[in-house]
Amino acid sequence: MKARFALVTGGAGFIGSHLVDRLVSEGWSVRIVDNFSSGRMENIEHHRGNRKVEILRGDLKSPKEAEKAVRDVDVVFHYAANPEVRVSTTNPDIHFNENVVATFNLLEAMRKNDVKQLVFASSSSVYGEPEAIPINEDAPIKPVSVYGASKAARESLIHAYSNLYGIRAVILRYANVVGPRLRHGVVYDFVKKLLRNQQVLEVLGDGTQTRSYIYVTDAVNATIFTLKNTRKDFDVYNIGNSDWVAVKEVAKIVAETLGIASVKTIYKPLLHGIGWPGDVKHIALDITKLVKIGFKPNMNSLNAIRKTVSYVAKEL
């Protein structure tokens, strides 16, 4: 697949900025659109002055700005979203507007401008609380958070536009992505807390919650790989790892990596041991479909966590 002109929505965010780095390294011309509500200019500062990179401060909640963003591009990588799951419990309108409305405007702009290729950053949160893990792409979509519901709604919108208007779409359901520039999630939360106070660590939930983690480089490599190798007009892939880790083990790894010998851990569980309303107790992705087309992550969950802790600690 030859390098072309790509739009990366949310390109100043965590995964989006790493994707921009990868596309630029492969010779793509890239337009970044971000409203910087959660994205950070420092993530893409190193691209300033590069004639192949255009940075737009824009908001996809505006149809006009969505049309401006897609003009003349060949492929859209849709990574713009509010990434905080807990926010969806207290302010569900944020996820509806930032995620669902923005996606509808983007799809309309693509339809009107005849842009035919889309890669969408979905999430394991669309599965909700599965009966067993790991879970594959054919499992029922039953989100338990507004964040997960907004991701599922976006998938449905994309499927309809793919069917009606010939947009070739790849849906990527990511596990917990970690790595440099991370600014949300449990690994970041633990690093930030322990840098502030090395004596006590508060853990939301009972610590037995299990998650799969994938390093951001592996996640981006999988993104490019699926785009190049899928042949269907609409396809869905789990992007994660074949192992998973309990939250209390994550806390232990973070403390060890930071060189903290002893820390008092305080657990704050809600009903069933979750950390907050809409939290999922156990989620891990079956990546058999991804492996079958030839991709396997280089780093397992444990090593991804360790490497992330070292980077984030330096960044903070």
Foldseek 3Di string as FASTA:
>chain_A
DAAEEEEEELCQADLNVVLVVVSVVRPHQYEYEYLPPPGDCVSNVVCPPPPSYHYHNDALLDLVRLLVRCAPGQEYEYDFADPDQQCCVVPVVRRCRRQVSSLVSNLVSCLVRVHAEYEYEAALQQCDADPDDDDEPPHDRDHQTSNSVSSVNSLVVVVVSCVPRVRQYEYEHEWAEFAANDDDDLLNQLLVVCVVPVAEDEAQFPQQFKTFYAYSVLVSVLRVLCVVQDDDSYYYFYRTAPDMDTRNVLNVLLCVLVVRDDYHYHYHADPPGGRHRRGYRYYDHDGPVSVVSPGHGPDGRSVSSSNRSVNSNVVD
